Amino acid sequence: MIFKLKIALFSLAALLFIGCGTEEIVNLAVDQYNQNKDSDDTGATVPTADEIAAMIQRNNEIRAEVSVLDPISWSPTLALSAQSHADTLATNGTLEHSQSGYGENIYASFEQASYSDAINAWYEEKNIYDYASNSCIAGQDCEHYTQLIWEETTEVGCGKAAIGTQNATVIVCQYNPPGNIAGEQPY
């Protein structure tokens, strides 16, 4: 299943260079993946064009709130890497960051979740981020939020996997260039 997912995502990357529109590219990759899908599906899914569009739109709305007007775009390369890590996390039952070299946000839910659910959960960390001191309030974690709004970041790719036979979900989004550089503000 993972091999077929990789084929679909590599095909998606190749189509980017041919000049198709983003929605058309995503639809072609989803169609190819669905045609090759085995009955031993592990819960990994290629996001639909609507899921990608909703996630990108929400992420860019959050960036615009703080006047980061350069939008991020979808990266098939990052999506492949994020999906691989989501599969690993779902299999191992851990929530450890990969060593991919990309910025990375991880979200887990005890129910089925969407990419937008993950983005909105990370956005909630806005309430504990203090821009003036460039720190999280009271030692809490807010680096998911700062990655969302990191001005230098231009692309994102996400992957999602079911955790075991439960109705749980793990979502990984990877960002390039990565954010959360020590001593630097996000914008």
N, C-alpha and C. Protein backbone atom coordinates (compact mmCIF):
# COMPACT_ATOMS: atom_id res chain seq x y z
N MET A 1 0.83 -1.18 0.00
CA MET A 1 0.00 0.00 0.00
C MET A 1 0.87 1.24 0.00
N ILE A 2 1.91 1.27 0.84
CA ILE A 2 2.77 2.43 0.90
C ILE A 2 3.49 2.61 -0.43
N PHE A 3 3.91 1.47 -1.06
CA PHE A 3 4.57 1.56 -2.35
C PHE A 3 3.65 2.20 -3.39
N LYS A 4 2.39 1.80 -3.39
CA LYS A 4 1.44 2.36 -4.35
C LYS A 4 1.16 3.83 -4.06
N LEU A 5 1.15 4.20 -2.78
CA LEU A 5 1.00 5.60 -2.40
C LEU A 5 2.18 6.40 -2.92
N LYS A 6 3.38 5.85 -2.79
CA LYS A 6 4.57 6.53 -3.29
C LYS A 6 4.49 6.71 -4.80
N ILE A 7 4.02 5.69 -5.52
CA ILE A 7 3.87 5.82 -6.97
C ILE A 7 2.91 6.95 -7.30
N ALA A 8 1.79 7.01 -6.60
CA ALA A 8 0.81 8.07 -6.86
C ALA A 8 1.40 9.44 -6.57
N LEU A 9 2.14 9.58 -5.49
CA LEU A 9 2.71 10.88 -5.15
C LEU A 9 3.86 11.25 -6.07
N PHE A 10 4.66 10.25 -6.51
CA PHE A 10 5.71 10.57 -7.48
C PHE A 10 5.08 10.98 -8.81
N SER A 11 3.98 10.34 -9.19
CA SER A 11 3.27 10.75 -10.39
C SER A 11 2.76 12.17 -10.25
N LEU A 12 2.28 12.49 -9.08
CA LEU A 12 1.80 13.84 -8.79
C LEU A 12 2.94 14.84 -8.97
N ALA A 13 4.11 14.52 -8.45
CA ALA A 13 5.27 15.42 -8.59
C ALA A 13 5.65 15.58 -10.06
N ALA A 14 5.63 14.49 -10.80
CA ALA A 14 5.98 14.56 -12.22
C ALA A 14 4.99 15.44 -12.98
N LEU A 15 3.73 15.35 -12.65
CA LEU A 15 2.72 16.15 -13.33
C LEU A 15 2.90 17.64 -13.08
N LEU A 16 3.46 17.98 -11.94
CA LEU A 16 3.71 19.40 -11.66
C LEU A 16 4.60 20.03 -12.71
N PHE A 17 5.54 19.24 -13.21
CA PHE A 17 6.47 19.77 -14.19
C PHE A 17 5.88 19.82 -15.60
N ILE A 18 4.78 19.12 -15.81
CA ILE A 18 4.13 19.11 -17.12
C ILE A 18 3.29 20.36 -17.31
N GLY A 19 2.82 20.95 -16.22
CA GLY A 19 2.09 22.21 -16.33
C GLY A 19 0.59 22.11 -16.09
N CYS A 20 0.13 21.04 -15.50
CA CYS A 20 -1.29 20.93 -15.17
C CYS A 20 -1.61 21.85 -14.00
N GLY A 21 -2.88 22.22 -13.86
CA GLY A 21 -3.32 23.01 -12.71
C GLY A 21 -3.29 22.17 -11.45
N THR A 22 -3.19 22.81 -10.30
CA THR A 22 -3.07 22.11 -9.02
C THR A 22 -4.24 21.16 -8.78
N GLU A 23 -5.46 21.63 -8.98
CA GLU A 23 -6.61 20.76 -8.73
C GLU A 23 -6.60 19.56 -9.66
N GLU A 24 -6.25 19.76 -10.91
CA GLU A 24 -6.17 18.66 -11.88
C GLU A 24 -5.11 17.66 -11.47
N ILE A 25 -3.97 18.14 -11.00
CA ILE A 25 -2.88 17.27 -10.56
C ILE A 25 -3.33 16.42 -9.38
N VAL A 26 -3.94 17.05 -8.40
CA VAL A 26 -4.38 16.32 -7.21
C VAL A 26 -5.41 15.27 -7.59
N ASN A 27 -6.35 15.64 -8.45
CA ASN A 27 -7.38 14.68 -8.86
C ASN A 27 -6.78 13.48 -9.60
N LEU A 28 -5.78 13.72 -10.44
CA LEU A 28 -5.12 12.62 -11.15
C LEU A 28 -4.42 11.69 -10.18
N ALA A 29 -3.73 12.25 -9.19
CA ALA A 29 -3.03 11.42 -8.21
C ALA A 29 -4.01 10.61 -7.38
N VAL A 30 -5.11 11.23 -6.96
CA VAL A 30 -6.13 10.52 -6.19
C VAL A 30 -6.72 9.39 -7.01
N ASP A 31 -7.04 9.66 -8.28
CA ASP A 31 -7.59 8.62 -9.15
C ASP A 31 -6.62 7.45 -9.31
N GLN A 32 -5.34 7.78 -9.54
CA GLN A 32 -4.35 6.72 -9.72
C GLN A 32 -4.22 5.89 -8.44
N TYR A 33 -4.19 6.56 -7.30
CA TYR A 33 -4.08 5.84 -6.03
C TYR A 33 -5.27 4.92 -5.84
N ASN A 34 -6.47 5.42 -6.07
CA ASN A 34 -7.67 4.62 -5.88
C ASN A 34 -7.72 3.43 -6.82
N GLN A 35 -7.20 3.56 -8.03
CA GLN A 35 -7.16 2.44 -8.97
C GLN A 35 -6.21 1.35 -8.51
N ASN A 36 -5.16 1.72 -7.79
CA ASN A 36 -4.14 0.77 -7.35
C ASN A 36 -4.33 0.27 -5.93
N LYS A 37 -5.38 0.72 -5.26
CA LYS A 37 -5.58 0.43 -3.85
C LYS A 37 -5.82 -1.07 -3.63
N ASP A 38 -5.12 -1.64 -2.65
CA ASP A 38 -5.30 -3.04 -2.28
C ASP A 38 -6.35 -3.18 -1.20
N SER A 39 -6.77 -4.41 -0.93
CA SER A 39 -7.72 -4.66 0.15
C SER A 39 -7.05 -4.59 1.52
N ASP A 40 -5.70 -4.57 1.56
CA ASP A 40 -4.99 -4.51 2.84
C ASP A 40 -4.65 -3.08 3.22
N ASP A 41 -5.56 -2.16 2.96
CA ASP A 41 -5.36 -0.73 3.25
C ASP A 41 -5.01 -0.53 4.72
N THR A 42 -3.95 0.25 4.97
CA THR A 42 -3.51 0.49 6.34
C THR A 42 -4.15 1.72 6.96
N GLY A 43 -4.97 2.43 6.23
CA GLY A 43 -5.58 3.63 6.76
C GLY A 43 -4.96 4.89 6.20
N ALA A 44 -3.85 4.75 5.46
CA ALA A 44 -3.23 5.90 4.83
C ALA A 44 -4.11 6.33 3.66
N THR A 45 -4.22 7.62 3.45
CA THR A 45 -5.04 8.12 2.37
C THR A 45 -4.34 9.25 1.65
N VAL A 46 -4.55 9.28 0.34
CA VAL A 46 -4.10 10.43 -0.43
C VAL A 46 -5.18 11.50 -0.25
N PRO A 47 -4.79 12.69 0.17
CA PRO A 47 -5.82 13.71 0.39
C PRO A 47 -6.50 14.09 -0.93
N THR A 48 -7.78 14.38 -0.84
CA THR A 48 -8.52 14.81 -2.01
C THR A 48 -8.18 16.26 -2.33
N ALA A 49 -8.55 16.68 -3.52
CA ALA A 49 -8.33 18.08 -3.92
C ALA A 49 -9.04 19.02 -2.94
N ASP A 50 -10.24 18.65 -2.51
CA ASP A 50 -10.98 19.49 -1.56
C ASP A 50 -10.29 19.57 -0.21
N GLU A 51 -9.72 18.43 0.27
CA GLU A 51 -9.01 18.43 1.55
C GLU A 51 -7.77 19.32 1.48
N ILE A 52 -7.04 19.20 0.38
CA ILE A 52 -5.84 20.02 0.22
C ILE A 52 -6.22 21.49 0.15
N ALA A 53 -7.22 21.80 -0.65
CA ALA A 53 -7.64 23.20 -0.80
C ALA A 53 -8.09 23.79 0.52
N ALA A 54 -8.87 23.03 1.31
CA ALA A 54 -9.36 23.53 2.60
C ALA A 54 -8.20 23.74 3.57
N MET A 55 -7.26 22.81 3.58
CA MET A 55 -6.12 22.92 4.50
C MET A 55 -5.24 24.10 4.12
N ILE A 56 -4.94 24.25 2.84
CA ILE A 56 -4.10 25.37 2.38
C ILE A 56 -4.80 26.70 2.65
N GLN A 57 -6.10 26.76 2.35
CA GLN A 57 -6.86 27.99 2.58
C GLN A 57 -6.84 28.37 4.05
N ARG A 58 -7.09 27.41 4.93
CA ARG A 58 -7.11 27.70 6.36
C ARG A 58 -5.72 28.15 6.84
N ASN A 59 -4.69 27.46 6.39
CA ASN A 59 -3.33 27.84 6.80
C ASN A 59 -3.01 29.26 6.33
N ASN A 60 -3.41 29.61 5.11
CA ASN A 60 -3.14 30.95 4.59
C ASN A 60 -3.98 32.02 5.27
N GLU A 61 -5.20 31.67 5.71
CA GLU A 61 -6.00 32.62 6.50
C GLU A 61 -5.30 32.95 7.82
N ILE A 62 -4.75 31.93 8.44
CA ILE A 62 -4.04 32.13 9.71
C ILE A 62 -2.81 33.00 9.48
N ARG A 63 -2.09 32.76 8.40
CA ARG A 63 -0.91 33.57 8.08
C ARG A 63 -1.31 35.02 7.82
N ALA A 64 -2.41 35.22 7.12
CA ALA A 64 -2.87 36.58 6.81
C ALA A 64 -3.25 37.36 8.06
N GLU A 65 -3.74 36.67 9.09
CA GLU A 65 -4.10 37.34 10.35
C GLU A 65 -2.94 38.12 10.95
N VAL A 66 -1.73 37.63 10.71
CA VAL A 66 -0.54 38.30 11.27
C VAL A 66 0.26 38.99 10.16
N SER A 67 -0.42 39.26 9.06
CA SER A 67 0.15 39.99 7.92
C SER A 67 1.25 39.24 7.20
N VAL A 68 1.25 37.91 7.29
CA VAL A 68 2.14 37.10 6.46
C VAL A 68 1.32 36.80 5.20
N LEU A 69 1.56 37.60 4.17
CA LEU A 69 0.71 37.56 2.99
C LEU A 69 1.21 36.60 1.92
N ASP A 70 2.45 36.14 2.03
CA ASP A 70 2.93 35.15 1.06
C ASP A 70 2.30 33.81 1.39
N PRO A 71 1.47 33.30 0.49
CA PRO A 71 0.78 32.04 0.79
C PRO A 71 1.72 30.84 0.69
N ILE A 72 1.38 29.79 1.40
CA ILE A 72 2.08 28.53 1.23
C ILE A 72 1.34 27.74 0.15
N SER A 73 2.03 26.79 -0.44
CA SER A 73 1.41 25.93 -1.45
C SER A 73 1.71 24.47 -1.11
N TRP A 74 0.98 23.58 -1.76
CA TRP A 74 1.09 22.14 -1.53
C TRP A 74 2.33 21.60 -2.22
N SER A 75 3.06 20.74 -1.52
CA SER A 75 4.25 20.09 -2.06
C SER A 75 4.07 18.58 -2.05
N PRO A 76 4.05 17.94 -3.22
CA PRO A 76 3.95 16.48 -3.26
C PRO A 76 5.14 15.79 -2.59
N THR A 77 6.32 16.40 -2.68
CA THR A 77 7.51 15.84 -2.05
C THR A 77 7.34 15.81 -0.53
N LEU A 78 6.89 16.93 0.03
CA LEU A 78 6.64 16.98 1.47
C LEU A 78 5.51 16.04 1.86
N ALA A 79 4.49 15.94 1.02
CA ALA A 79 3.36 15.05 1.32
C ALA A 79 3.83 13.60 1.40
N LEU A 80 4.71 13.21 0.50
CA LEU A 80 5.24 11.84 0.52
C LEU A 80 6.02 11.59 1.80
N SER A 81 6.87 12.52 2.18
CA SER A 81 7.65 12.40 3.41
C SER A 81 6.74 12.38 4.64
N ALA A 82 5.75 13.28 4.67
CA ALA A 82 4.82 13.35 5.80
C ALA A 82 3.99 12.07 5.90
N GLN A 83 3.55 11.54 4.76
CA GLN A 83 2.76 10.31 4.79
C GLN A 83 3.58 9.14 5.31
N SER A 84 4.82 9.06 4.89
CA SER A 84 5.70 8.00 5.37
C SER A 84 5.85 8.07 6.89
N HIS A 85 6.01 9.28 7.40
CA HIS A 85 6.17 9.42 8.85
C HIS A 85 4.85 9.15 9.58
N ALA A 86 3.73 9.58 9.01
CA ALA A 86 2.42 9.29 9.62
C ALA A 86 2.21 7.78 9.70
N ASP A 87 2.58 7.05 8.64
CA ASP A 87 2.46 5.59 8.65
C ASP A 87 3.31 4.98 9.76
N THR A 88 4.53 5.49 9.90
CA THR A 88 5.44 4.99 10.94
C THR A 88 4.86 5.25 12.33
N LEU A 89 4.36 6.46 12.57
CA LEU A 89 3.79 6.79 13.87
C LEU A 89 2.58 5.93 14.18
N ALA A 90 1.72 5.72 13.19
CA ALA A 90 0.52 4.90 13.40
C ALA A 90 0.89 3.46 13.71
N THR A 91 1.91 2.96 13.05
CA THR A 91 2.36 1.59 13.29
C THR A 91 3.02 1.43 14.64
N ASN A 92 3.88 2.40 15.00
CA ASN A 92 4.63 2.32 16.25
C ASN A 92 3.86 2.81 17.46
N GLY A 93 2.80 3.56 17.24
CA GLY A 93 2.03 4.12 18.35
C GLY A 93 2.77 5.20 19.11
N THR A 94 3.66 5.92 18.42
CA THR A 94 4.42 7.00 19.05
C THR A 94 4.08 8.32 18.38
N LEU A 95 4.52 9.42 18.99
CA LEU A 95 4.33 10.75 18.40
C LEU A 95 5.66 11.50 18.36
N GLU A 96 6.68 10.85 17.87
CA GLU A 96 8.00 11.44 17.79
C GLU A 96 8.19 12.13 16.44
N HIS A 97 8.93 13.23 16.47
CA HIS A 97 9.23 13.93 15.22
C HIS A 97 10.24 13.13 14.40
N SER A 98 10.10 13.25 13.07
CA SER A 98 11.07 12.62 12.17
C SER A 98 12.34 13.46 12.16
N GLN A 99 13.32 12.99 11.52
CA GLN A 99 14.56 13.73 11.33
C GLN A 99 14.67 14.14 9.86
N SER A 100 13.56 14.58 9.29
CA SER A 100 13.48 14.87 7.86
C SER A 100 14.22 16.14 7.44
N GLY A 101 14.45 17.04 8.39
CA GLY A 101 15.06 18.32 8.04
C GLY A 101 14.02 19.38 7.69
N TYR A 102 12.76 18.99 7.63
CA TYR A 102 11.66 19.92 7.38
C TYR A 102 11.07 20.36 8.72
N GLY A 103 10.33 21.48 8.70
CA GLY A 103 9.52 21.81 9.85
C GLY A 103 8.42 20.76 9.93
N GLU A 104 7.96 20.45 11.13
CA GLU A 104 7.00 19.35 11.24
C GLU A 104 6.04 19.57 12.39
N ASN A 105 4.76 19.44 12.10
CA ASN A 105 3.71 19.46 13.11
C ASN A 105 3.03 18.10 13.11
N ILE A 106 2.75 17.57 14.30
CA ILE A 106 2.09 16.28 14.44
C ILE A 106 0.82 16.48 15.26
N TYR A 107 -0.25 15.83 14.82
CA TYR A 107 -1.55 15.91 15.49
C TYR A 107 -2.10 14.49 15.63
N ALA A 108 -2.66 14.19 16.77
CA ALA A 108 -3.30 12.89 16.97
C ALA A 108 -4.67 13.11 17.58
N SER A 109 -5.62 12.28 17.18
CA SER A 109 -6.98 12.38 17.67
C SER A 109 -7.52 10.98 17.92
N PHE A 110 -8.39 10.85 18.91
CA PHE A 110 -9.01 9.56 19.18
C PHE A 110 -10.24 9.33 18.31
N GLU A 111 -10.40 10.15 17.30
CA GLU A 111 -11.47 9.97 16.32
C GLU A 111 -10.92 10.32 14.94
N GLN A 112 -11.69 10.07 13.92
CA GLN A 112 -11.25 10.46 12.58
C GLN A 112 -11.11 11.97 12.53
N ALA A 113 -10.05 12.44 11.92
CA ALA A 113 -9.80 13.87 11.87
C ALA A 113 -9.38 14.28 10.46
N SER A 114 -9.63 15.54 10.15
CA SER A 114 -9.24 16.08 8.85
C SER A 114 -7.96 16.90 9.00
N TYR A 115 -7.37 17.24 7.88
CA TYR A 115 -6.19 18.10 7.89
C TYR A 115 -6.55 19.47 8.49
N SER A 116 -7.73 19.96 8.18
CA SER A 116 -8.17 21.24 8.73
C SER A 116 -8.35 21.15 10.25
N ASP A 117 -8.79 19.99 10.76
CA ASP A 117 -8.88 19.81 12.22
C ASP A 117 -7.50 20.00 12.85
N ALA A 118 -6.49 19.44 12.22
CA ALA A 118 -5.12 19.57 12.74
C ALA A 118 -4.68 21.03 12.70
N ILE A 119 -4.90 21.69 11.57
CA ILE A 119 -4.51 23.11 11.43
C ILE A 119 -5.20 23.94 12.52
N ASN A 120 -6.49 23.70 12.72
CA ASN A 120 -7.23 24.47 13.73
C ASN A 120 -6.74 24.19 15.15
N ALA A 121 -6.35 22.96 15.44
CA ALA A 121 -5.80 22.65 16.77
C ALA A 121 -4.48 23.38 16.98
N TRP A 122 -3.63 23.40 15.97
CA TRP A 122 -2.35 24.11 16.08
C TRP A 122 -2.58 25.62 16.20
N TYR A 123 -3.61 26.11 15.52
CA TYR A 123 -3.95 27.53 15.58
C TYR A 123 -4.32 27.96 17.01
N GLU A 124 -4.93 27.07 17.77
CA GLU A 124 -5.33 27.39 19.15
C GLU A 124 -4.14 27.81 20.01
N GLU A 125 -2.94 27.40 19.61
CA GLU A 125 -1.75 27.78 20.37
C GLU A 125 -1.46 29.28 20.26
N LYS A 126 -2.15 29.96 19.36
CA LYS A 126 -2.01 31.41 19.24
C LYS A 126 -2.25 32.08 20.60
N ASN A 127 -3.16 31.52 21.37
CA ASN A 127 -3.53 32.09 22.67
C ASN A 127 -2.41 32.04 23.70
N ILE A 128 -1.41 31.21 23.46
CA ILE A 128 -0.31 31.12 24.43
C ILE A 128 1.02 31.61 23.84
N TYR A 129 0.96 32.24 22.66
CA TYR A 129 2.17 32.78 22.05
C TYR A 129 2.24 34.29 22.27
N ASP A 130 3.39 34.76 22.73
CA ASP A 130 3.62 36.19 22.93
C ASP A 130 4.66 36.66 21.91
N TYR A 131 4.19 37.44 20.93
CA TYR A 131 5.09 37.90 19.86
C TYR A 131 6.21 38.78 20.40
N ALA A 132 5.90 39.69 21.33
CA ALA A 132 6.89 40.64 21.83
C ALA A 132 8.11 39.92 22.42
N SER A 133 7.86 38.85 23.16
CA SER A 133 8.99 38.11 23.74
C SER A 133 9.38 36.90 22.90
N ASN A 134 8.61 36.66 21.83
CA ASN A 134 8.83 35.50 20.95
C ASN A 134 8.93 34.21 21.76
N SER A 135 7.95 34.04 22.66
CA SER A 135 7.96 32.85 23.50
C SER A 135 6.53 32.39 23.80
N CYS A 136 6.47 31.18 24.30
CA CYS A 136 5.20 30.61 24.72
C CYS A 136 4.98 30.97 26.17
N ILE A 137 3.75 31.28 26.52
CA ILE A 137 3.40 31.69 27.88
C ILE A 137 3.56 30.50 28.84
N ALA A 138 4.16 30.79 29.98
CA ALA A 138 4.29 29.84 31.09
C ALA A 138 4.89 28.50 30.67
N GLY A 139 5.84 28.53 29.77
CA GLY A 139 6.54 27.31 29.39
C GLY A 139 5.71 26.32 28.59
N GLN A 140 4.55 26.74 28.09
CA GLN A 140 3.72 25.84 27.30
C GLN A 140 4.28 25.75 25.87
N ASP A 141 3.78 24.81 25.10
CA ASP A 141 4.23 24.64 23.72
C ASP A 141 3.35 25.42 22.77
N CYS A 142 3.96 26.22 21.90
CA CYS A 142 3.21 26.94 20.87
C CYS A 142 3.93 26.91 19.53
N GLU A 143 4.88 26.00 19.40
CA GLU A 143 5.69 25.94 18.18
C GLU A 143 4.91 25.43 16.97
N HIS A 144 3.79 24.73 17.19
CA HIS A 144 2.96 24.33 16.05
C HIS A 144 2.40 25.59 15.39
N TYR A 145 1.91 26.51 16.25
CA TYR A 145 1.34 27.76 15.75
C TYR A 145 2.41 28.58 15.02
N THR A 146 3.58 28.73 15.62
CA THR A 146 4.60 29.56 14.98
C THR A 146 5.06 28.95 13.66
N GLN A 147 5.01 27.62 13.54
CA GLN A 147 5.34 27.01 12.24
C GLN A 147 4.29 27.39 11.20
N LEU A 148 3.02 27.42 11.59
CA LEU A 148 1.96 27.80 10.65
C LEU A 148 2.19 29.20 10.08
N ILE A 149 2.67 30.11 10.92
CA ILE A 149 2.79 31.52 10.51
C ILE A 149 4.22 31.90 10.11
N TRP A 150 5.14 30.94 10.06
CA TRP A 150 6.53 31.26 9.75
C TRP A 150 6.63 31.84 8.34
N GLU A 151 7.03 33.09 8.28
CA GLU A 151 7.00 33.85 7.02
C GLU A 151 7.84 33.24 5.91
N GLU A 152 8.98 32.66 6.24
CA GLU A 152 9.87 32.11 5.22
C GLU A 152 9.37 30.79 4.63
N THR A 153 8.44 30.15 5.31
CA THR A 153 7.90 28.88 4.81
C THR A 153 7.05 29.13 3.57
N THR A 154 7.28 28.34 2.52
CA THR A 154 6.56 28.51 1.27
C THR A 154 5.75 27.30 0.85
N GLU A 155 6.00 26.14 1.46
CA GLU A 155 5.28 24.95 1.03
C GLU A 155 5.04 24.00 2.18
N VAL A 156 3.99 23.18 2.00
CA VAL A 156 3.58 22.22 3.01
C VAL A 156 3.10 20.95 2.32
N GLY A 157 3.26 19.84 2.99
CA GLY A 157 2.70 18.56 2.55
C GLY A 157 2.31 17.78 3.78
N CYS A 158 1.19 17.08 3.72
CA CYS A 158 0.67 16.38 4.90
C CYS A 158 0.35 14.93 4.58
N GLY A 159 0.36 14.12 5.61
CA GLY A 159 -0.04 12.73 5.51
C GLY A 159 -0.89 12.37 6.71
N LYS A 160 -1.73 11.35 6.53
CA LYS A 160 -2.67 10.95 7.58
C LYS A 160 -2.75 9.44 7.60
N ALA A 161 -2.82 8.86 8.80
CA ALA A 161 -2.96 7.41 8.92
C ALA A 161 -3.84 7.07 10.11
N ALA A 162 -4.55 5.95 9.98
CA ALA A 162 -5.36 5.43 11.08
C ALA A 162 -4.43 4.73 12.05
N ILE A 163 -4.73 4.85 13.33
CA ILE A 163 -3.93 4.21 14.36
C ILE A 163 -4.59 2.90 14.73
N GLY A 164 -3.96 1.80 14.36
CA GLY A 164 -4.48 0.47 14.66
C GLY A 164 -5.88 0.28 14.12
N THR A 165 -6.67 -0.49 14.84
CA THR A 165 -8.06 -0.73 14.44
C THR A 165 -9.00 0.25 15.13
N GLN A 166 -8.41 1.16 15.90
CA GLN A 166 -9.20 2.17 16.58
C GLN A 166 -9.70 3.18 15.54
N ASN A 167 -10.53 4.06 15.98
CA ASN A 167 -11.03 5.12 15.12
C ASN A 167 -10.13 6.35 15.27
N ALA A 168 -8.87 6.14 15.64
CA ALA A 168 -7.93 7.23 15.92
C ALA A 168 -7.15 7.60 14.66
N THR A 169 -6.64 8.82 14.65
CA THR A 169 -5.94 9.35 13.48
C THR A 169 -4.66 10.06 13.92
N VAL A 170 -3.62 9.92 13.11
CA VAL A 170 -2.42 10.73 13.27
C VAL A 170 -2.21 11.50 11.96
N ILE A 171 -1.91 12.79 12.11
CA ILE A 171 -1.68 13.65 10.94
C ILE A 171 -0.30 14.29 11.12
N VAL A 172 0.47 14.25 10.05
CA VAL A 172 1.79 14.89 10.03
C VAL A 172 1.79 15.89 8.89
N CYS A 173 2.19 17.13 9.17
CA CYS A 173 2.41 18.13 8.13
C CYS A 173 3.87 18.57 8.21
N GLN A 174 4.51 18.61 7.06
CA GLN A 174 5.89 19.05 6.99
C GLN A 174 5.98 20.34 6.19
N TYR A 175 6.86 21.23 6.63
CA TYR A 175 6.96 22.59 6.09
C TYR A 175 8.37 22.87 5.60
N ASN A 176 8.45 23.57 4.47
CA ASN A 176 9.74 23.92 3.89
C ASN A 176 9.70 25.35 3.37
N PRO A 177 10.72 26.15 3.61
CA PRO A 177 11.77 25.93 4.59
C PRO A 177 11.18 25.85 5.99
N PRO A 178 11.88 25.12 6.87
CA PRO A 178 11.36 24.95 8.23
C PRO A 178 11.35 26.24 9.01
N GLY A 179 10.45 26.32 9.96
CA GLY A 179 10.37 27.48 10.86
C GLY A 179 10.98 27.16 12.20
N ASN A 180 10.62 28.00 13.17
CA ASN A 180 11.06 27.83 14.55
C ASN A 180 12.59 27.81 14.67
N ILE A 181 13.20 28.78 14.03
CA ILE A 181 14.65 28.96 14.14
C ILE A 181 14.93 29.70 15.45
N ALA A 182 15.77 29.14 16.28
CA ALA A 182 16.06 29.73 17.60
C ALA A 182 16.51 31.19 17.46
N GLY A 183 15.87 32.05 18.26
CA GLY A 183 16.22 33.45 18.28
C GLY A 183 15.56 34.30 17.20
N GLU A 184 14.84 33.68 16.28
CA GLU A 184 14.17 34.42 15.21
C GLU A 184 12.66 34.46 15.45
N GLN A 185 12.05 35.59 15.11
CA GLN A 185 10.59 35.69 15.19
C GLN A 185 10.00 35.12 13.90
N PRO A 186 8.76 34.65 13.97
CA PRO A 186 8.17 34.00 12.81
C PRO A 186 7.90 34.94 11.62
N TYR A 187 7.75 36.24 11.88
CA TYR A 187 7.49 37.21 10.81
C TYR A 187 8.00 38.57 11.21
